[in-house]
């Protein structure tokens, strides 16, 4: 699948990125290659592959996931205790996106 420069500019705009002409051409090529690879993966026959809920499903003792144990959550005051600026129970942050 080939992406146009216009499509790359659109995606860059969504990500609030400013790209040079060279970067737009490079990203159009790179993203097109990625999408072509995904299209190739979609052609693989996976009808005999069992679905997995977790990659480490059968690892049990060697699994790197922690046990799902309920615990007491932080209170709102505890969560905001180290906030540089807080107000009305929320973190206050500066506006970062301007258009």
N, C-alpha and C. Protein backbone atom coordinates (compact mmCIF):
# COMPACT_ATOMS: atom_id res chain seq x y z
N UNK A 1 0.86 -1.18 0.00
CA UNK A 1 0.00 0.00 0.00
C UNK A 1 0.90 1.23 0.00
N UNK A 2 0.66 2.12 -0.92
CA UNK A 2 1.49 3.32 -1.04
C UNK A 2 0.75 4.52 -0.44
N UNK A 3 1.42 5.18 0.49
CA UNK A 3 0.86 6.39 1.10
C UNK A 3 1.30 7.60 0.29
N UNK A 4 0.42 8.56 0.20
CA UNK A 4 0.76 9.80 -0.48
C UNK A 4 1.37 10.78 0.52
N UNK A 5 2.05 11.79 0.00
CA UNK A 5 2.61 12.81 0.87
C UNK A 5 1.51 13.55 1.61
N UNK A 6 0.37 13.71 0.97
CA UNK A 6 -0.77 14.37 1.61
C UNK A 6 -1.23 13.57 2.84
N UNK A 7 -1.27 12.25 2.72
CA UNK A 7 -1.67 11.41 3.85
C UNK A 7 -0.66 11.50 4.99
N UNK A 8 0.63 11.55 4.65
CA UNK A 8 1.66 11.69 5.68
C UNK A 8 1.52 13.05 6.38
N UNK A 9 1.26 14.10 5.62
CA UNK A 9 1.05 15.42 6.22
C UNK A 9 -0.16 15.40 7.16
N UNK A 10 -1.21 14.71 6.76
CA UNK A 10 -2.42 14.62 7.59
C UNK A 10 -2.11 13.92 8.91
N UNK A 11 -1.41 12.78 8.84
CA UNK A 11 -1.07 12.03 10.06
C UNK A 11 -0.12 12.86 10.93
N UNK A 12 0.84 13.55 10.31
CA UNK A 12 1.75 14.41 11.06
C UNK A 12 0.97 15.52 11.76
N UNK A 13 -0.03 16.06 11.10
CA UNK A 13 -0.87 17.08 11.71
C UNK A 13 -1.64 16.55 12.92
N UNK A 14 -2.13 15.32 12.82
CA UNK A 14 -2.82 14.72 13.96
C UNK A 14 -1.88 14.54 15.15
N UNK A 15 -0.61 14.25 14.85
CA UNK A 15 0.39 14.07 15.91
C UNK A 15 1.04 15.39 16.31
N UNK A 16 0.59 16.48 15.71
CA UNK A 16 1.12 17.82 15.98
C UNK A 16 2.62 17.88 15.69
N UNK A 17 3.03 17.28 14.57
CA UNK A 17 4.43 17.28 14.14
C UNK A 17 4.62 18.21 12.95
N UNK A 18 5.74 18.87 12.91
CA UNK A 18 6.12 19.67 11.76
C UNK A 18 7.25 18.93 11.06
N UNK A 19 7.01 18.51 9.82
CA UNK A 19 7.99 17.74 9.08
C UNK A 19 8.53 18.53 7.89
N UNK A 20 9.80 18.30 7.57
CA UNK A 20 10.38 18.92 6.38
C UNK A 20 9.96 18.10 5.16
N UNK A 21 10.21 18.64 3.98
CA UNK A 21 9.87 17.91 2.75
C UNK A 21 10.59 16.58 2.66
N UNK A 22 11.87 16.56 3.05
CA UNK A 22 12.64 15.30 3.04
C UNK A 22 12.05 14.28 4.00
N UNK A 23 11.65 14.75 5.19
CA UNK A 23 11.07 13.84 6.17
C UNK A 23 9.74 13.28 5.67
N UNK A 24 8.94 14.10 5.02
CA UNK A 24 7.66 13.64 4.49
C UNK A 24 7.89 12.53 3.47
N UNK A 25 8.85 12.73 2.57
CA UNK A 25 9.14 11.70 1.57
C UNK A 25 9.65 10.42 2.22
N UNK A 26 10.54 10.55 3.21
CA UNK A 26 11.09 9.38 3.89
C UNK A 26 10.00 8.63 4.65
N UNK A 27 9.15 9.36 5.38
CA UNK A 27 8.08 8.72 6.14
C UNK A 27 7.04 8.09 5.22
N UNK A 28 6.77 8.72 4.10
CA UNK A 28 5.83 8.13 3.14
C UNK A 28 6.37 6.78 2.67
N UNK A 29 7.66 6.72 2.38
CA UNK A 29 8.27 5.46 1.95
C UNK A 29 8.26 4.44 3.08
N UNK A 30 8.73 4.84 4.28
CA UNK A 30 8.82 3.91 5.41
C UNK A 30 7.45 3.38 5.82
N UNK A 31 6.47 4.26 5.93
CA UNK A 31 5.13 3.83 6.32
C UNK A 31 4.49 2.94 5.26
N UNK A 32 4.76 3.23 3.99
CA UNK A 32 4.25 2.38 2.91
C UNK A 32 4.84 0.98 3.02
N UNK A 33 6.14 0.89 3.33
CA UNK A 33 6.79 -0.42 3.50
C UNK A 33 6.18 -1.19 4.67
N UNK A 34 5.89 -0.50 5.76
CA UNK A 34 5.29 -1.14 6.93
C UNK A 34 3.90 -1.68 6.58
N UNK A 35 3.10 -0.86 5.92
CA UNK A 35 1.75 -1.29 5.54
C UNK A 35 1.79 -2.45 4.55
N UNK A 36 2.76 -2.45 3.65
CA UNK A 36 2.91 -3.56 2.71
C UNK A 36 3.27 -4.83 3.47
N UNK A 37 4.12 -4.74 4.45
CA UNK A 37 4.48 -5.90 5.27
C UNK A 37 3.25 -6.44 6.01
N UNK A 38 2.44 -5.55 6.57
CA UNK A 38 1.22 -5.96 7.27
C UNK A 38 0.28 -6.66 6.29
N UNK A 39 0.16 -6.14 5.09
CA UNK A 39 -0.68 -6.81 4.08
C UNK A 39 -0.17 -8.21 3.80
N UNK A 40 1.15 -8.38 3.74
CA UNK A 40 1.73 -9.71 3.53
C UNK A 40 1.41 -10.64 4.70
N UNK A 41 1.45 -10.12 5.92
CA UNK A 41 1.12 -10.94 7.09
C UNK A 41 -0.35 -11.37 7.05
N UNK A 42 -1.21 -10.50 6.54
CA UNK A 42 -2.63 -10.83 6.47
C UNK A 42 -2.93 -11.96 5.50
N UNK A 43 -2.00 -12.28 4.61
CA UNK A 43 -2.22 -13.37 3.66
C UNK A 43 -1.86 -14.73 4.25
N UNK A 44 -1.22 -14.76 5.43
CA UNK A 44 -0.83 -16.03 6.04
C UNK A 44 -2.06 -16.80 6.50
N UNK A 45 -2.01 -18.12 6.34
CA UNK A 45 -3.10 -18.99 6.79
C UNK A 45 -2.91 -19.28 8.28
N UNK A 46 -3.79 -18.74 9.11
CA UNK A 46 -3.72 -18.97 10.55
C UNK A 46 -4.90 -19.79 11.04
N UNK A 47 -5.56 -20.50 10.13
CA UNK A 47 -6.75 -21.26 10.51
C UNK A 47 -6.43 -22.40 11.49
N UNK A 48 -5.21 -22.93 11.47
CA UNK A 48 -4.85 -24.03 12.37
C UNK A 48 -4.08 -23.56 13.60
N UNK A 49 -4.03 -22.27 13.82
CA UNK A 49 -3.31 -21.73 14.97
C UNK A 49 -4.30 -21.49 16.10
N UNK A 50 -4.01 -22.08 17.25
CA UNK A 50 -4.89 -21.90 18.41
C UNK A 50 -4.75 -20.48 18.95
N UNK A 51 -5.86 -19.83 19.27
CA UNK A 51 -5.77 -18.48 19.85
C UNK A 51 -5.15 -18.54 21.24
N UNK A 52 -4.41 -17.49 21.59
CA UNK A 52 -3.77 -17.41 22.90
C UNK A 52 -4.24 -16.16 23.62
N UNK A 53 -4.52 -16.32 24.90
CA UNK A 53 -4.91 -15.17 25.69
C UNK A 53 -3.69 -14.45 26.23
N UNK A 54 -2.56 -15.17 26.39
CA UNK A 54 -1.35 -14.60 26.96
C UNK A 54 -0.15 -15.33 26.37
N UNK A 55 0.85 -14.60 25.97
CA UNK A 55 2.04 -15.22 25.38
C UNK A 55 2.69 -16.19 26.36
N UNK A 56 2.70 -15.85 27.64
CA UNK A 56 3.32 -16.70 28.66
C UNK A 56 2.31 -17.63 29.31
N UNK A 57 1.26 -17.99 28.59
CA UNK A 57 0.15 -18.76 29.15
C UNK A 57 0.60 -20.01 29.87
N UNK A 58 1.52 -20.80 29.29
CA UNK A 58 1.93 -22.06 29.90
C UNK A 58 3.19 -21.92 30.74
N UNK A 59 3.70 -20.71 30.94
CA UNK A 59 4.95 -20.53 31.66
C UNK A 59 4.79 -20.66 33.17
N UNK A 60 3.64 -20.40 33.70
CA UNK A 60 3.31 -20.44 35.13
C UNK A 60 4.41 -19.89 36.02
N UNK A 61 5.32 -20.73 36.53
CA UNK A 61 6.32 -20.27 37.50
C UNK A 61 7.30 -19.26 36.91
N UNK A 62 7.53 -19.33 35.61
CA UNK A 62 8.50 -18.42 35.00
C UNK A 62 7.83 -17.19 34.39
N UNK A 63 6.54 -17.09 34.52
CA UNK A 63 5.83 -15.94 33.95
C UNK A 63 6.31 -14.66 34.63
N UNK A 64 6.45 -13.62 33.84
CA UNK A 64 6.94 -12.35 34.37
C UNK A 64 5.81 -11.44 34.86
N UNK A 65 4.60 -11.95 34.87
CA UNK A 65 3.46 -11.15 35.32
C UNK A 65 3.27 -11.30 36.82
N UNK A 66 2.94 -10.22 37.49
CA UNK A 66 2.70 -10.29 38.92
C UNK A 66 1.30 -10.83 39.18
N UNK A 67 1.08 -11.31 40.36
CA UNK A 67 -0.24 -11.82 40.73
C UNK A 67 -1.23 -10.67 40.77
N UNK A 68 -2.44 -10.94 40.38
CA UNK A 68 -3.49 -9.92 40.38
C UNK A 68 -4.17 -9.94 41.75
N UNK A 69 -3.60 -9.16 42.66
CA UNK A 69 -4.08 -9.13 44.04
C UNK A 69 -4.68 -7.76 44.32
N UNK A 70 -5.92 -7.71 44.79
CA UNK A 70 -6.52 -6.40 45.09
C UNK A 70 -5.82 -5.74 46.27
N UNK A 71 -5.72 -4.43 46.22
CA UNK A 71 -5.14 -3.67 47.32
C UNK A 71 -5.85 -2.33 47.43
N UNK A 72 -5.58 -1.63 48.49
CA UNK A 72 -6.22 -0.34 48.73
C UNK A 72 -5.65 0.70 47.77
N UNK A 73 -6.53 1.41 47.11
CA UNK A 73 -6.12 2.44 46.17
C UNK A 73 -5.71 3.71 46.91
N UNK A 74 -4.96 4.55 46.23
CA UNK A 74 -4.61 5.84 46.80
C UNK A 74 -5.86 6.71 46.92
N UNK A 75 -5.91 7.49 47.97
CA UNK A 75 -6.99 8.47 48.07
C UNK A 75 -6.66 9.62 47.13
N UNK A 76 -7.63 10.46 46.87
CA UNK A 76 -7.40 11.61 46.00
C UNK A 76 -6.32 12.51 46.59
N UNK A 77 -6.35 12.72 47.89
CA UNK A 77 -5.36 13.59 48.54
C UNK A 77 -3.96 12.98 48.43
N UNK A 78 -3.84 11.66 48.59
CA UNK A 78 -2.53 11.00 48.47
C UNK A 78 -2.00 11.11 47.05
N UNK A 79 -2.88 10.94 46.08
CA UNK A 79 -2.46 11.00 44.68
C UNK A 79 -1.97 12.40 44.32
N UNK A 80 -2.55 13.42 44.90
CA UNK A 80 -2.19 14.80 44.58
C UNK A 80 -1.13 15.38 45.51
N UNK A 81 -0.67 14.61 46.50
CA UNK A 81 0.24 15.13 47.52
C UNK A 81 1.51 15.74 46.93
N UNK A 82 2.07 15.15 45.88
CA UNK A 82 3.32 15.66 45.32
C UNK A 82 3.12 16.44 44.02
N UNK A 83 1.89 16.77 43.70
CA UNK A 83 1.61 17.51 42.47
C UNK A 83 2.16 18.93 42.59
N UNK A 84 2.86 19.42 41.57
CA UNK A 84 3.36 20.80 41.63
C UNK A 84 2.22 21.81 41.77
N UNK A 85 1.12 21.55 41.04
CA UNK A 85 -0.05 22.43 41.12
C UNK A 85 -1.29 21.55 41.08
N UNK A 86 -2.16 21.73 42.05
CA UNK A 86 -3.41 20.96 42.09
C UNK A 86 -4.53 21.90 42.47
N UNK A 87 -5.74 21.52 42.10
CA UNK A 87 -6.88 22.33 42.45
C UNK A 87 -8.17 21.58 42.20
N UNK A 88 -9.10 21.68 43.10
CA UNK A 88 -10.41 21.06 43.02
C UNK A 88 -10.32 19.55 42.78
N UNK A 89 -9.29 18.92 43.38
CA UNK A 89 -9.14 17.48 43.29
C UNK A 89 -8.50 16.98 42.02
N UNK A 90 -7.87 17.86 41.23
CA UNK A 90 -7.26 17.46 39.96
C UNK A 90 -5.84 18.01 39.87
N UNK A 91 -5.01 17.36 39.02
CA UNK A 91 -3.72 17.91 38.65
C UNK A 91 -3.96 19.08 37.71
N UNK A 92 -3.23 20.15 37.89
CA UNK A 92 -3.30 21.27 36.96
C UNK A 92 -2.02 21.26 36.13
N UNK A 93 -2.19 21.29 34.82
CA UNK A 93 -1.04 21.25 33.92
C UNK A 93 -1.16 22.38 32.91
N UNK A 94 -0.02 22.84 32.38
CA UNK A 94 -0.10 23.90 31.38
C UNK A 94 -0.64 23.37 30.05
N UNK A 95 -1.27 24.23 29.31
CA UNK A 95 -1.77 23.88 28.00
C UNK A 95 -0.58 23.63 27.08
N UNK A 96 -0.59 22.48 26.38
CA UNK A 96 0.55 22.14 25.54
C UNK A 96 0.21 22.10 24.06
N UNK A 97 -1.03 22.08 23.70
CA UNK A 97 -1.44 22.02 22.30
C UNK A 97 -2.13 23.32 21.95
N UNK A 98 -1.56 24.02 20.97
CA UNK A 98 -2.16 25.25 20.50
C UNK A 98 -2.26 25.19 18.99
N UNK A 99 -3.38 25.53 18.44
CA UNK A 99 -3.56 25.55 16.98
C UNK A 99 -4.22 26.83 16.60
